Amino acid sequence: MAFSSPDDAELLIARIAEGDRDAFSRFYDAFAGTAFGLIRRVLRDPAPSEEVLQDVFWQVWRDAPQYDARRGTPAAWVLMRAKARAIDKLRSIRRRGQTFVMPVNEEIVRRDDGAPTAATTLADRGLVEDALARLPDAQRRVIELAFFEGLTQTEIAARLGEPLGTVKTRARLGLERLRAVLRAEGPSG
């Protein structure tokens, strides 16, 4: 949903502050796609991304009375919450050691506020698959187990019968190689 002016979104926020569910629904429709795209780029996993999106809009509902137009546009207000919540979730995931997650590239997050298209997602998938195919088998296996099966490093070590330190080294080296290949062959490379 496009607004004819930023004031339209601000009016929705004012109505949300009064408990207007219809205004909230319209606001959600207008900003959820952009917020979800940002959250997905940070977390790279749909399940926690959906959870964070729900948290963001719960916070919008709850904090609408505190919205101050002098501090930013409605879009900036929502995206700031989305980014902060996504980074908090990423840190939480990292602390629990549940997955390998590449560091957030703040420049990409700032440059691109739109959700990825199906074409870019397919192109990205192809680049990642090609990059994975170039890794040594041992490194590729560790990364696949982490990303595609969601195993922790400890679980991977147990499954492969390898020492934990070996698994950690393979993961680190594999991720470094993936980054290098993707930088060299990415759309801007």
C-alpha atoms as a PDB file:
ATOM      1  CA  MET A   1       0.000   0.000   0.000  1.00  0.00           C
ATOM      2  CA  ALA A   2       1.405   3.351  -1.002  1.00  0.00           C
ATOM      3  CA  PHE A   3       0.493   6.484   0.864  1.00  0.00           C
ATOM      4  CA  SER A   4      -0.094   9.758  -0.927  1.00  0.00           C
ATOM      5  CA  SER A   5       1.862  11.471   1.851  1.00  0.00           C
ATOM      6  CA  PRO A   6       3.765  10.496   5.006  1.00  0.00           C
ATOM      7  CA  ASP A   7       0.908  12.121   6.921  1.00  0.00           C
ATOM      8  CA  ASP A   8      -1.376   9.246   5.886  1.00  0.00           C
ATOM      9  CA  ALA A   9       0.809   6.718   7.730  1.00  0.00           C
ATOM     10  CA  GLU A  10       1.095   9.083  10.671  1.00  0.00           C
ATOM     11  CA  LEU A  11      -2.708   9.270  10.831  1.00  0.00           C
ATOM     12  CA  LEU A  12      -2.837   5.481  10.931  1.00  0.00           C
ATOM     13  CA  ILE A  13      -0.393   5.479  13.842  1.00  0.00           C
ATOM     14  CA  ALA A  14      -2.575   7.993  15.680  1.00  0.00           C
ATOM     15  CA  ARG A  15      -5.598   5.752  15.114  1.00  0.00           C
ATOM     16  CA  ILE A  16      -3.603   2.690  16.241  1.00  0.00           C
ATOM     17  CA  ALA A  17      -2.764   4.590  19.445  1.00  0.00           C
ATOM     18  CA  GLU A  18      -6.525   4.838  20.017  1.00  0.00           C
ATOM     19  CA  GLY A  19      -6.920   1.068  19.566  1.00  0.00           C
ATOM     20  CA  ASP A  20      -8.217   1.080  15.974  1.00  0.00           C
ATOM     21  CA  ARG A  21      -7.670  -2.451  14.636  1.00  0.00           C
ATOM     22  CA  ASP A  22      -8.558  -1.513  11.066  1.00  0.00           C
ATOM     23  CA  ALA A  23      -5.850   1.180  11.094  1.00  0.00           C
ATOM     24  CA  PHE A  24      -3.400  -1.375  12.478  1.00  0.00           C
ATOM     25  CA  SER A  25      -4.318  -3.822   9.701  1.00  0.00           C
ATOM     26  CA  ARG A  26      -3.758  -1.157   7.036  1.00  0.00           C
ATOM     27  CA  PHE A  27      -0.453  -0.117   8.637  1.00  0.00           C
ATOM     28  CA  TYR A  28       0.657  -3.768   8.788  1.00  0.00           C
ATOM     29  CA  ASP A  29      -0.230  -4.289   5.120  1.00  0.00           C
ATOM     30  CA  ALA A  30       1.780  -1.213   4.193  1.00  0.00           C
ATOM     31  CA  PHE A  31       4.970  -2.000   6.113  1.00  0.00           C
ATOM     32  CA  ALA A  32       5.143  -5.732   6.909  1.00  0.00           C
ATOM     33  CA  GLY A  33       6.747  -6.730   3.600  1.00  0.00           C
ATOM     34  CA  THR A  34       9.567  -4.230   3.894  1.00  0.00           C
ATOM     35  CA  ALA A  35      10.124  -5.031   7.570  1.00  0.00           C
ATOM     36  CA  PHE A  36      10.146  -8.769   6.859  1.00  0.00           C
ATOM     37  CA  GLY A  37      12.682  -8.328   4.041  1.00  0.00           C
ATOM     38  CA  LEU A  38      15.014  -6.495   6.413  1.00  0.00           C
ATOM     39  CA  ILE A  39      14.544  -9.078   9.160  1.00  0.00           C
ATOM     40  CA  ARG A  40      15.206 -11.965   6.730  1.00  0.00           C
ATOM     41  CA  ARG A  41      18.443 -10.369   5.554  1.00  0.00           C
ATOM     42  CA  VAL A  42      19.637 -10.182   9.149  1.00  0.00           C
ATOM     43  CA  LEU A  43      18.479 -13.625  10.327  1.00  0.00           C
ATOM     44  CA  ARG A  44      18.494 -15.615   7.055  1.00  0.00           C
ATOM     45  CA  ASP A  45      15.939 -18.056   8.463  1.00  0.00           C
ATOM     46  CA  PRO A  46      12.185 -17.787   7.943  1.00  0.00           C
ATOM     47  CA  ALA A  47      10.965 -19.180  11.287  1.00  0.00           C
ATOM     48  CA  PRO A  48      12.715 -16.727  13.621  1.00  0.00           C
ATOM     49  CA  SER A  49      12.134 -13.963  11.058  1.00  0.00           C
ATOM     50  CA  GLU A  50       8.377 -14.489  11.263  1.00  0.00           C
ATOM     51  CA  GLU A  51       8.595 -14.469  15.049  1.00  0.00           C
ATOM     52  CA  VAL A  52      10.530 -11.203  15.027  1.00  0.00           C
ATOM     53  CA  LEU A  53       8.040  -9.644  12.576  1.00  0.00           C
ATOM     54  CA  GLN A  54       5.221 -10.525  14.954  1.00  0.00           C
ATOM     55  CA  ASP A  55       7.173  -8.972  17.846  1.00  0.00           C
ATOM     56  CA  VAL A  56       7.816  -5.801  15.845  1.00  0.00           C
ATOM     57  CA  PHE A  57       4.156  -5.269  15.068  1.00  0.00           C
ATOM     58  CA  TRP A  58       3.129  -6.090  18.612  1.00  0.00           C
ATOM     59  CA  GLN A  59       5.549  -3.338  19.642  1.00  0.00           C
ATOM     60  CA  VAL A  60       3.973  -1.000  17.037  1.00  0.00           C
ATOM     61  CA  TRP A  61       0.527  -1.685  18.518  1.00  0.00           C
ATOM     62  CA  ARG A  62       1.774  -1.138  22.056  1.00  0.00           C
ATOM     63  CA  ASP A  63       4.042   1.875  21.377  1.00  0.00           C
ATOM     64  CA  ALA A  64       1.877   3.795  18.892  1.00  0.00           C
ATOM     65  CA  PRO A  65       1.015   6.440  21.536  1.00  0.00           C
ATOM     66  CA  GLN A  66       4.744   7.270  21.858  1.00  0.00           C
ATOM     67  CA  TYR A  67       5.317   7.794  18.119  1.00  0.00           C
ATOM     68  CA  ASP A  68       6.912  11.190  17.470  1.00  0.00           C
ATOM     69  CA  ALA A  69       6.932  12.365  13.840  1.00  0.00           C
ATOM     70  CA  ARG A  70       9.814  14.751  14.627  1.00  0.00           C
ATOM     71  CA  ARG A  71      12.075  11.753  15.203  1.00  0.00           C
ATOM     72  CA  GLY A  72      11.427  10.080  11.843  1.00  0.00           C
ATOM     73  CA  THR A  73       8.937   8.838   9.304  1.00  0.00           C
ATOM     74  CA  PRO A  74       6.574   5.946  10.038  1.00  0.00           C
ATOM     75  CA  ALA A  75       8.668   3.717   7.738  1.00  0.00           C
ATOM     76  CA  ALA A  76      11.855   4.595   9.611  1.00  0.00           C
ATOM     77  CA  TRP A  77      10.062   4.019  12.921  1.00  0.00           C
ATOM     78  CA  VAL A  78       9.021   0.493  11.900  1.00  0.00           C
ATOM     79  CA  LEU A  79      12.315  -0.406  10.220  1.00  0.00           C
ATOM     80  CA  MET A  80      14.344   0.772  13.199  1.00  0.00           C
ATOM     81  CA  ARG A  81      12.310  -1.566  15.407  1.00  0.00           C
ATOM     82  CA  ALA A  82      12.627  -4.398  12.893  1.00  0.00           C
ATOM     83  CA  LYS A  83      16.387  -4.028  12.637  1.00  0.00           C
ATOM     84  CA  ALA A  84      16.879  -3.766  16.415  1.00  0.00           C
ATOM     85  CA  ARG A  85      14.672  -6.787  17.116  1.00  0.00           C
ATOM     86  CA  ALA A  86      16.342  -8.851  14.368  1.00  0.00           C
ATOM     87  CA  ILE A  87      19.823  -8.052  15.690  1.00  0.00           C
ATOM     88  CA  ASP A  88      18.688  -8.905  19.234  1.00  0.00           C
ATOM     89  CA  LYS A  89      17.361 -12.238  17.963  1.00  0.00           C
ATOM     90  CA  LEU A  90      20.583 -12.891  16.039  1.00  0.00           C
ATOM     91  CA  ARG A  91      22.628 -12.285  19.187  1.00  0.00           C
ATOM     92  CA  SER A  92      20.334 -14.585  21.147  1.00  0.00           C
ATOM     93  CA  ILE A  93      20.740 -17.348  18.567  1.00  0.00           C
ATOM     94  CA  ARG A  94      24.509 -16.932  18.570  1.00  0.00           C
ATOM     95  CA  ARG A  95      24.644 -17.062  22.371  1.00  0.00           C
ATOM     96  CA  ARG A  96      22.728 -20.314  22.399  1.00  0.00           C
ATOM     97  CA  GLY A  97      25.121 -21.707  19.787  1.00  0.00           C
ATOM     98  CA  GLN A  98      22.239 -23.077  17.711  1.00  0.00           C
ATOM     99  CA  THR A  99      23.494 -22.101  14.298  1.00  0.00           C
ATOM    100  CA  PHE A 100      26.266 -20.520  12.309  1.00  0.00           C
ATOM    101  CA  VAL A 101      25.177 -17.084  11.139  1.00  0.00           C
ATOM    102  CA  MET A 102      27.326 -14.858   9.025  1.00  0.00           C
ATOM    103  CA  PRO A 103      27.845 -11.346  10.401  1.00  0.00           C
ATOM    104  CA  VAL A 104      25.307  -8.735   9.391  1.00  0.00           C
ATOM    105  CA  ASN A 105      26.534  -6.551   6.570  1.00  0.00           C
ATOM    106  CA  GLU A 106      25.167  -3.167   7.679  1.00  0.00           C
ATOM    107  CA  GLU A 107      25.784  -1.609   4.242  1.00  0.00           C
ATOM    108  CA  ILE A 108      23.461  -4.109   2.551  1.00  0.00           C
ATOM    109  CA  VAL A 109      20.781  -3.550   5.187  1.00  0.00           C
ATOM    110  CA  ARG A 110      20.996   0.247   4.727  1.00  0.00           C
ATOM    111  CA  ARG A 111      21.068   0.111   0.903  1.00  0.00           C
ATOM    112  CA  ASP A 112      18.148  -2.212   0.263  1.00  0.00           C
ATOM    113  CA  ASP A 113      14.884  -1.847   2.137  1.00  0.00           C
ATOM    114  CA  GLY A 114      12.760  -3.942  -0.272  1.00  0.00           C
ATOM    115  CA  ALA A 115      11.966  -7.606   0.120  1.00  0.00           C
ATOM    116  CA  PRO A 116      13.923  -9.936  -2.171  1.00  0.00           C
ATOM    117  CA  THR A 117      12.182 -10.921  -5.378  1.00  0.00           C
ATOM    118  CA  ALA A 118      11.784 -14.513  -6.509  1.00  0.00           C
ATOM    119  CA  ALA A 119      14.316 -13.892  -9.286  1.00  0.00           C
ATOM    120  CA  THR A 120      16.979 -12.550  -6.932  1.00  0.00           C
ATOM    121  CA  THR A 121      16.309 -15.364  -4.481  1.00  0.00           C
ATOM    122  CA  LEU A 122      16.817 -17.967  -7.238  1.00  0.00           C
ATOM    123  CA  ALA A 123      19.946 -16.205  -8.454  1.00  0.00           C
ATOM    124  CA  ASP A 124      21.301 -16.023  -4.911  1.00  0.00           C
ATOM    125  CA  ARG A 125      20.519 -19.704  -4.368  1.00  0.00           C
ATOM    126  CA  GLY A 126      22.425 -20.588  -7.529  1.00  0.00           C
ATOM    127  CA  LEU A 127      25.435 -18.537  -6.426  1.00  0.00           C
ATOM    128  CA  VAL A 128      25.427 -20.203  -2.996  1.00  0.00           C
ATOM    129  CA  GLU A 129      25.096 -23.698  -4.475  1.00  0.00           C
ATOM    130  CA  ASP A 130      28.002 -23.017  -6.844  1.00  0.00           C
ATOM    131  CA  ALA A 131      30.102 -21.611  -4.003  1.00  0.00           C
ATOM    132  CA  LEU A 132      29.316 -24.625  -1.787  1.00  0.00           C
ATOM    133  CA  ALA A 133      30.337 -26.992  -4.591  1.00  0.00           C
ATOM    134  CA  ARG A 134      33.796 -25.375  -4.629  1.00  0.00           C
ATOM    135  CA  LEU A 135      34.468 -26.116  -0.967  1.00  0.00           C
ATOM    136  CA  PRO A 136      36.434 -29.163   0.144  1.00  0.00           C
ATOM    137  CA  ASP A 137      34.027 -31.980   1.045  1.00  0.00           C
ATOM    138  CA  ALA A 138      34.739 -31.817   4.785  1.00  0.00           C
ATOM    139  CA  GLN A 139      34.050 -28.062   4.981  1.00  0.00           C
ATOM    140  CA  ARG A 140      30.961 -28.292   2.785  1.00  0.00           C
ATOM    141  CA  ARG A 141      29.505 -31.106   4.902  1.00  0.00           C
ATOM    142  CA  VAL A 142      29.906 -29.116   8.139  1.00  0.00           C
ATOM    143  CA  ILE A 143      28.248 -26.030   6.625  1.00  0.00           C
ATOM    144  CA  GLU A 144      25.396 -28.047   5.107  1.00  0.00           C
ATOM    145  CA  LEU A 145      24.704 -29.774   8.414  1.00  0.00           C
ATOM    146  CA  ALA A 146      24.625 -26.415  10.188  1.00  0.00           C
ATOM    147  CA  PHE A 147      22.527 -24.452   7.705  1.00  0.00           C
ATOM    148  CA  PHE A 148      20.279 -27.050   6.125  1.00  0.00           C
ATOM    149  CA  GLU A 149      19.777 -29.392   9.082  1.00  0.00           C
ATOM    150  CA  GLY A 150      20.146 -26.805  11.842  1.00  0.00           C
ATOM    151  CA  LEU A 151      22.709 -28.776  13.844  1.00  0.00           C
ATOM    152  CA  THR A 152      24.979 -27.127  16.393  1.00  0.00           C
ATOM    153  CA  GLN A 153      28.731 -27.569  16.130  1.00  0.00           C
ATOM    154  CA  THR A 154      28.598 -30.085  18.997  1.00  0.00           C
ATOM    155  CA  GLU A 155      25.894 -32.098  17.199  1.00  0.00           C
ATOM    156  CA  ILE A 156      27.887 -32.005  13.953  1.00  0.00           C
ATOM    157  CA  ALA A 157      31.001 -33.272  15.747  1.00  0.00           C
ATOM    158  CA  ALA A 158      28.989 -36.151  17.222  1.00  0.00           C
ATOM    159  CA  ARG A 159      27.353 -37.033  13.894  1.00  0.00           C
ATOM    160  CA  LEU A 160      30.649 -36.971  11.989  1.00  0.00           C
ATOM    161  CA  GLY A 161      32.702 -38.570  14.773  1.00  0.00           C
ATOM    162  CA  GLU A 162      35.141 -35.659  14.617  1.00  0.00           C
ATOM    163  CA  PRO A 163      36.630 -33.548  17.419  1.00  0.00           C
ATOM    164  CA  LEU A 164      34.696 -30.333  18.133  1.00  0.00           C
ATOM    165  CA  GLY A 165      37.780 -28.218  17.379  1.00  0.00           C
ATOM    166  CA  THR A 166      38.046 -29.795  13.918  1.00  0.00           C
ATOM    167  CA  VAL A 167      34.391 -29.027  13.208  1.00  0.00           C
ATOM    168  CA  LYS A 168      34.822 -25.419  14.349  1.00  0.00           C
ATOM    169  CA  THR A 169      37.882 -24.971  12.147  1.00  0.00           C
ATOM    170  CA  ARG A 170      36.133 -26.474   9.114  1.00  0.00           C
ATOM    171  CA  ALA A 171      33.122 -24.224   9.673  1.00  0.00           C
ATOM    172  CA  ARG A 172      35.252 -21.098   9.983  1.00  0.00           C
ATOM    173  CA  LEU A 173      37.409 -21.907   6.950  1.00  0.00           C
ATOM    174  CA  GLY A 174      34.385 -22.939   4.898  1.00  0.00           C
ATOM    175  CA  LEU A 175      32.499 -19.732   5.710  1.00  0.00           C
ATOM    176  CA  GLU A 176      35.565 -17.654   4.857  1.00  0.00           C
ATOM    177  CA  ARG A 177      35.862 -19.409   1.484  1.00  0.00           C
ATOM    178  CA  LEU A 178      32.139 -18.993   0.810  1.00  0.00           C
ATOM    179  CA  ARG A 179      32.362 -15.261   1.518  1.00  0.00           C
ATOM    180  CA  ALA A 180      35.351 -14.911  -0.793  1.00  0.00           C
ATOM    181  CA  VAL A 181      33.662 -16.826  -3.635  1.00  0.00           C
ATOM    182  CA  LEU A 182      30.370 -14.960  -3.225  1.00  0.00           C
ATOM    183  CA  ARG A 183      32.134 -11.584  -3.154  1.00  0.00           C
ATOM    184  CA  ALA A 184      34.053 -12.461  -6.311  1.00  0.00           C
ATOM    185  CA  GLU A 185      31.047 -13.844  -8.210  1.00  0.00           C
ATOM    186  CA  GLY A 186      28.164 -11.895  -6.702  1.00  0.00           C
ATOM    187  CA  PRO A 187      26.054  -9.474  -8.721  1.00  0.00           C
ATOM    188  CA  SER A 188      28.462  -6.613  -8.044  1.00  0.00           C
ATOM    189  CA  GLY A 189      31.565  -8.783  -8.520  1.00  0.00           C
END
